[in-house]
Amino acid sequence: MESTNFNDWIGMRPGDEPNEVVVDTRPEHQVAPGLIHFAVLTTLAEVSAATAVGAAVVPTQISLNLMRRASPGRLVGRGTVVKRGRTLTVAEGEVLQNDKLVAKATVTFAMMG
């Protein structure tokens, strides 16, 4: 099955909990041996935040803090809504590996519907 969806291409799938997404990293996700590229972490944080919003949204601003090195293996993104508005919503996405925080993003979304 051919996919043009970036999230599918990266290998993202729903997690076990609500507002959770998971990526099992592959060699092409590494920026250097043993180090996962920040773009993978950013995508996972942004998508988990958008999942928490639960509506059609487009990111208008994102701030990402890298907390520790992400190694090859399973990454889990978890999102929460900070403030929901009619036109803009702010949410956070955390990326964890082995229950340790590796990245945290705050995302402002434009509401599309």
N, C-alpha and C. Protein backbone atom coordinates (compact mmCIF):
# COMPACT_ATOMS: atom_id res chain seq x y z
N MET A 1 0.83 -1.18 0.00
CA MET A 1 0.00 0.00 0.00
C MET A 1 0.88 1.24 0.00
N GLU A 2 0.71 2.11 -0.99
CA GLU A 2 1.48 3.33 -1.09
C GLU A 2 0.79 4.43 -0.30
N SER A 3 1.56 5.20 0.44
CA SER A 3 1.00 6.28 1.24
C SER A 3 1.71 7.58 0.91
N THR A 4 0.96 8.65 0.81
CA THR A 4 1.55 9.97 0.62
C THR A 4 1.47 10.78 1.91
N ASN A 5 0.96 10.18 2.97
CA ASN A 5 0.83 10.87 4.25
C ASN A 5 2.16 10.81 4.99
N PHE A 6 2.70 11.98 5.35
CA PHE A 6 3.99 12.04 6.02
C PHE A 6 4.00 11.26 7.33
N ASN A 7 2.93 11.38 8.11
CA ASN A 7 2.87 10.68 9.39
C ASN A 7 2.92 9.17 9.19
N ASP A 8 2.28 8.67 8.14
CA ASP A 8 2.36 7.24 7.83
C ASP A 8 3.78 6.88 7.40
N TRP A 9 4.38 7.72 6.57
CA TRP A 9 5.73 7.45 6.07
C TRP A 9 6.73 7.36 7.22
N ILE A 10 6.56 8.25 8.20
CA ILE A 10 7.48 8.26 9.34
C ILE A 10 7.24 7.05 10.26
N GLY A 11 6.08 6.39 10.09
CA GLY A 11 5.77 5.21 10.88
C GLY A 11 4.95 5.50 12.12
N MET A 12 4.30 6.65 12.15
CA MET A 12 3.50 7.03 13.31
C MET A 12 2.19 6.27 13.32
N ARG A 13 1.78 5.89 14.53
CA ARG A 13 0.51 5.19 14.71
C ARG A 13 -0.07 5.57 16.07
N PRO A 14 -1.38 5.34 16.25
CA PRO A 14 -1.99 5.64 17.55
C PRO A 14 -1.35 4.80 18.66
N GLY A 15 -1.25 5.39 19.84
CA GLY A 15 -0.73 4.67 21.00
C GLY A 15 -1.84 3.95 21.74
N ASP A 16 -1.50 3.44 22.90
CA ASP A 16 -2.45 2.70 23.72
C ASP A 16 -3.39 3.60 24.52
N GLU A 17 -2.97 4.82 24.77
CA GLU A 17 -3.75 5.76 25.58
C GLU A 17 -4.35 6.85 24.69
N PRO A 18 -5.42 7.52 25.16
CA PRO A 18 -5.95 8.66 24.40
C PRO A 18 -4.88 9.74 24.23
N ASN A 19 -4.92 10.44 23.12
CA ASN A 19 -3.98 11.54 22.82
C ASN A 19 -2.53 11.09 22.79
N GLU A 20 -2.31 9.84 22.40
CA GLU A 20 -0.97 9.27 22.36
C GLU A 20 -0.67 8.74 20.96
N VAL A 21 0.53 9.02 20.48
CA VAL A 21 1.01 8.49 19.21
C VAL A 21 2.39 7.87 19.43
N VAL A 22 2.73 6.89 18.59
CA VAL A 22 3.96 6.11 18.79
C VAL A 22 4.73 6.02 17.47
N VAL A 23 6.05 6.05 17.57
CA VAL A 23 6.94 5.77 16.44
C VAL A 23 8.01 4.81 16.92
N ASP A 24 8.16 3.71 16.21
CA ASP A 24 9.31 2.83 16.41
C ASP A 24 10.33 3.26 15.38
N THR A 25 11.43 3.85 15.85
CA THR A 25 12.38 4.48 14.93
C THR A 25 13.03 3.47 14.01
N ARG A 26 13.44 4.00 12.86
CA ARG A 26 14.14 3.22 11.84
C ARG A 26 15.49 3.90 11.57
N PRO A 27 16.40 3.23 10.89
CA PRO A 27 17.71 3.84 10.63
C PRO A 27 17.64 5.20 9.95
N GLU A 28 16.66 5.41 9.07
CA GLU A 28 16.58 6.71 8.37
C GLU A 28 16.11 7.84 9.28
N HIS A 29 15.69 7.55 10.49
CA HIS A 29 15.30 8.60 11.45
C HIS A 29 16.51 9.17 12.19
N GLN A 30 17.68 8.59 11.98
CA GLN A 30 18.88 9.03 12.70
C GLN A 30 19.60 10.14 11.94
N VAL A 31 20.04 11.14 12.68
CA VAL A 31 20.86 12.20 12.11
C VAL A 31 22.34 11.81 12.19
N ALA A 32 22.67 10.97 13.13
CA ALA A 32 24.00 10.39 13.32
C ALA A 32 23.78 9.03 13.98
N PRO A 33 24.73 8.14 13.90
CA PRO A 33 24.52 6.83 14.52
C PRO A 33 24.10 6.94 15.99
N GLY A 34 22.95 6.35 16.30
CA GLY A 34 22.46 6.34 17.68
C GLY A 34 21.75 7.60 18.13
N LEU A 35 21.49 8.56 17.21
CA LEU A 35 20.87 9.83 17.57
C LEU A 35 19.70 10.12 16.63
N ILE A 36 18.49 10.21 17.20
CA ILE A 36 17.29 10.47 16.41
C ILE A 36 17.20 11.95 16.06
N HIS A 37 16.87 12.23 14.80
CA HIS A 37 16.80 13.60 14.28
C HIS A 37 15.70 14.39 15.00
N PHE A 38 15.98 15.67 15.27
CA PHE A 38 15.01 16.52 15.97
C PHE A 38 13.71 16.66 15.19
N ALA A 39 13.74 16.52 13.87
CA ALA A 39 12.52 16.65 13.08
C ALA A 39 11.53 15.53 13.40
N VAL A 40 12.04 14.35 13.71
CA VAL A 40 11.17 13.24 14.12
C VAL A 40 10.52 13.58 15.45
N LEU A 41 11.30 14.12 16.38
CA LEU A 41 10.78 14.49 17.70
C LEU A 41 9.77 15.63 17.58
N THR A 42 10.06 16.60 16.73
CA THR A 42 9.15 17.73 16.53
C THR A 42 7.83 17.25 15.96
N THR A 43 7.90 16.39 14.95
CA THR A 43 6.68 15.87 14.34
C THR A 43 5.85 15.10 15.35
N LEU A 44 6.48 14.26 16.12
CA LEU A 44 5.77 13.46 17.11
C LEU A 44 5.12 14.36 18.17
N ALA A 45 5.83 15.38 18.62
CA ALA A 45 5.28 16.31 19.62
C ALA A 45 4.11 17.09 19.04
N GLU A 46 4.26 17.58 17.82
CA GLU A 46 3.19 18.38 17.20
C GLU A 46 1.95 17.54 16.93
N VAL A 47 2.12 16.34 16.44
CA VAL A 47 0.97 15.49 16.13
C VAL A 47 0.26 15.05 17.42
N SER A 48 1.02 14.76 18.47
CA SER A 48 0.35 14.38 19.72
C SER A 48 -0.42 15.56 20.30
N ALA A 49 0.11 16.78 20.16
CA ALA A 49 -0.62 17.97 20.61
C ALA A 49 -1.89 18.16 19.78
N ALA A 50 -1.79 17.99 18.47
CA ALA A 50 -2.96 18.12 17.60
C ALA A 50 -4.00 17.05 17.90
N THR A 51 -3.55 15.85 18.22
CA THR A 51 -4.47 14.77 18.58
C THR A 51 -5.26 15.14 19.82
N ALA A 52 -4.61 15.79 20.77
CA ALA A 52 -5.31 16.21 21.99
C ALA A 52 -6.38 17.25 21.69
N VAL A 53 -6.15 18.11 20.69
CA VAL A 53 -7.15 19.11 20.32
C VAL A 53 -8.40 18.42 19.80
N GLY A 54 -8.21 17.35 19.02
CA GLY A 54 -9.35 16.57 18.56
C GLY A 54 -10.20 17.24 17.50
N ALA A 55 -9.61 18.14 16.73
CA ALA A 55 -10.33 18.85 15.67
C ALA A 55 -9.34 19.13 14.54
N ALA A 56 -9.86 19.56 13.40
CA ALA A 56 -8.99 19.93 12.29
C ALA A 56 -8.25 21.21 12.64
N VAL A 57 -6.91 21.13 12.65
CA VAL A 57 -6.07 22.27 13.03
C VAL A 57 -4.86 22.35 12.11
N VAL A 58 -4.27 23.55 12.09
CA VAL A 58 -3.02 23.79 11.38
C VAL A 58 -2.11 24.52 12.36
N PRO A 59 -0.87 24.04 12.54
CA PRO A 59 0.02 24.73 13.47
C PRO A 59 0.42 26.10 12.93
N THR A 60 0.39 27.10 13.80
CA THR A 60 0.83 28.44 13.42
C THR A 60 2.13 28.82 14.11
N GLN A 61 2.43 28.15 15.22
CA GLN A 61 3.67 28.40 15.94
C GLN A 61 4.00 27.17 16.76
N ILE A 62 5.30 26.85 16.82
CA ILE A 62 5.73 25.73 17.65
C ILE A 62 7.05 26.09 18.33
N SER A 63 7.14 25.74 19.59
CA SER A 63 8.36 25.91 20.36
C SER A 63 8.73 24.55 20.91
N LEU A 64 9.94 24.08 20.59
CA LEU A 64 10.37 22.74 21.00
C LEU A 64 11.60 22.84 21.89
N ASN A 65 11.54 22.13 23.00
CA ASN A 65 12.70 22.00 23.89
C ASN A 65 13.15 20.55 23.86
N LEU A 66 14.41 20.35 23.51
CA LEU A 66 15.00 19.01 23.56
C LEU A 66 15.59 18.83 24.95
N MET A 67 15.14 17.80 25.64
CA MET A 67 15.52 17.59 27.03
C MET A 67 16.68 16.61 27.20
N ARG A 68 16.71 15.59 26.35
CA ARG A 68 17.79 14.60 26.40
C ARG A 68 17.86 13.92 25.05
N ARG A 69 18.91 13.19 24.85
CA ARG A 69 19.17 12.47 23.61
C ARG A 69 18.11 11.39 23.39
N ALA A 70 17.59 11.33 22.18
CA ALA A 70 16.67 10.24 21.80
C ALA A 70 17.46 9.23 20.99
N SER A 71 17.43 8.00 21.42
CA SER A 71 18.15 6.91 20.78
C SER A 71 17.19 6.08 19.93
N PRO A 72 17.72 5.24 19.07
CA PRO A 72 16.82 4.34 18.32
C PRO A 72 15.96 3.52 19.28
N GLY A 73 14.71 3.32 18.89
CA GLY A 73 13.77 2.57 19.72
C GLY A 73 12.40 3.23 19.66
N ARG A 74 11.55 2.88 20.58
CA ARG A 74 10.17 3.39 20.61
C ARG A 74 10.14 4.78 21.23
N LEU A 75 9.41 5.68 20.54
CA LEU A 75 9.14 7.02 21.04
C LEU A 75 7.63 7.16 21.20
N VAL A 76 7.21 7.74 22.31
CA VAL A 76 5.79 7.92 22.60
C VAL A 76 5.51 9.41 22.74
N GLY A 77 4.53 9.89 22.00
CA GLY A 77 4.10 11.28 22.10
C GLY A 77 2.78 11.36 22.83
N ARG A 78 2.67 12.30 23.76
CA ARG A 78 1.43 12.50 24.52
C ARG A 78 1.07 13.97 24.48
N GLY A 79 -0.20 14.25 24.17
CA GLY A 79 -0.64 15.63 24.05
C GLY A 79 -1.66 16.03 25.07
N THR A 80 -1.66 17.33 25.38
CA THR A 80 -2.67 17.92 26.27
C THR A 80 -3.02 19.32 25.74
N VAL A 81 -4.27 19.70 25.93
CA VAL A 81 -4.71 21.04 25.56
C VAL A 81 -4.45 21.97 26.74
N VAL A 82 -3.84 23.10 26.46
CA VAL A 82 -3.57 24.11 27.48
C VAL A 82 -4.71 25.12 27.53
N LYS A 83 -5.11 25.65 26.36
CA LYS A 83 -6.21 26.62 26.27
C LYS A 83 -6.85 26.50 24.90
N ARG A 84 -8.13 26.20 24.92
CA ARG A 84 -8.90 26.07 23.67
C ARG A 84 -9.63 27.37 23.41
N GLY A 85 -9.48 27.86 22.18
CA GLY A 85 -10.18 29.06 21.77
C GLY A 85 -11.01 28.79 20.52
N ARG A 86 -11.77 29.79 20.11
CA ARG A 86 -12.60 29.63 18.92
C ARG A 86 -11.76 29.61 17.65
N THR A 87 -10.72 30.46 17.58
CA THR A 87 -9.89 30.53 16.38
C THR A 87 -8.48 29.96 16.59
N LEU A 88 -7.98 30.04 17.82
CA LEU A 88 -6.65 29.51 18.14
C LEU A 88 -6.72 28.64 19.39
N THR A 89 -5.94 27.58 19.38
CA THR A 89 -5.84 26.69 20.54
C THR A 89 -4.37 26.42 20.81
N VAL A 90 -3.99 26.43 22.09
CA VAL A 90 -2.63 26.11 22.50
C VAL A 90 -2.63 24.73 23.14
N ALA A 91 -1.70 23.89 22.70
CA ALA A 91 -1.58 22.54 23.25
C ALA A 91 -0.10 22.21 23.43
N GLU A 92 0.15 21.20 24.24
CA GLU A 92 1.53 20.73 24.46
C GLU A 92 1.65 19.29 24.01
N GLY A 93 2.82 18.96 23.52
CA GLY A 93 3.14 17.59 23.16
C GLY A 93 4.45 17.20 23.80
N GLU A 94 4.44 16.07 24.49
CA GLU A 94 5.66 15.54 25.10
C GLU A 94 6.06 14.29 24.36
N VAL A 95 7.37 14.10 24.21
CA VAL A 95 7.91 12.88 23.61
C VAL A 95 8.71 12.16 24.69
N LEU A 96 8.36 10.91 24.91
CA LEU A 96 9.03 10.11 25.93
C LEU A 96 9.69 8.89 25.30
N GLN A 97 10.77 8.46 25.91
CA GLN A 97 11.44 7.22 25.53
C GLN A 97 11.81 6.52 26.82
N ASN A 98 11.32 5.30 26.96
CA ASN A 98 11.54 4.54 28.20
C ASN A 98 11.07 5.35 29.42
N ASP A 99 9.90 6.00 29.28
CA ASP A 99 9.28 6.81 30.34
C ASP A 99 10.10 8.02 30.76
N LYS A 100 11.07 8.43 29.93
CA LYS A 100 11.86 9.63 30.22
C LYS A 100 11.56 10.68 29.16
N LEU A 101 11.38 11.93 29.60
CA LEU A 101 11.06 13.03 28.71
C LEU A 101 12.27 13.37 27.84
N VAL A 102 12.10 13.30 26.51
CA VAL A 102 13.19 13.66 25.60
C VAL A 102 12.92 14.99 24.89
N ALA A 103 11.64 15.36 24.73
CA ALA A 103 11.31 16.62 24.07
C ALA A 103 9.92 17.09 24.52
N LYS A 104 9.75 18.41 24.54
CA LYS A 104 8.46 18.99 24.88
C LYS A 104 8.21 20.18 23.98
N ALA A 105 7.01 20.23 23.41
CA ALA A 105 6.65 21.32 22.51
C ALA A 105 5.38 22.01 23.00
N THR A 106 5.34 23.31 22.78
CA THR A 106 4.12 24.08 22.93
C THR A 106 3.74 24.53 21.52
N VAL A 107 2.49 24.24 21.14
CA VAL A 107 2.05 24.50 19.77
C VAL A 107 0.79 25.35 19.80
N THR A 108 0.78 26.39 18.99
CA THR A 108 -0.43 27.17 18.76
C THR A 108 -1.02 26.70 17.44
N PHE A 109 -2.30 26.33 17.48
CA PHE A 109 -3.00 25.83 16.30
C PHE A 109 -4.09 26.80 15.88
N ALA A 110 -4.26 26.97 14.57
CA ALA A 110 -5.41 27.66 14.02
C ALA A 110 -6.50 26.61 13.86
N MET A 111 -7.68 26.90 14.38
CA MET A 111 -8.81 25.99 14.27
C MET A 111 -9.38 26.10 12.85
N MET A 112 -9.59 24.97 12.21
CA MET A 112 -10.01 24.96 10.81
C MET A 112 -11.52 24.81 10.62
N GLY A 113 -12.24 24.47 11.66
CA GLY A 113 -13.66 24.23 11.45
C GLY A 113 -14.57 24.97 12.33
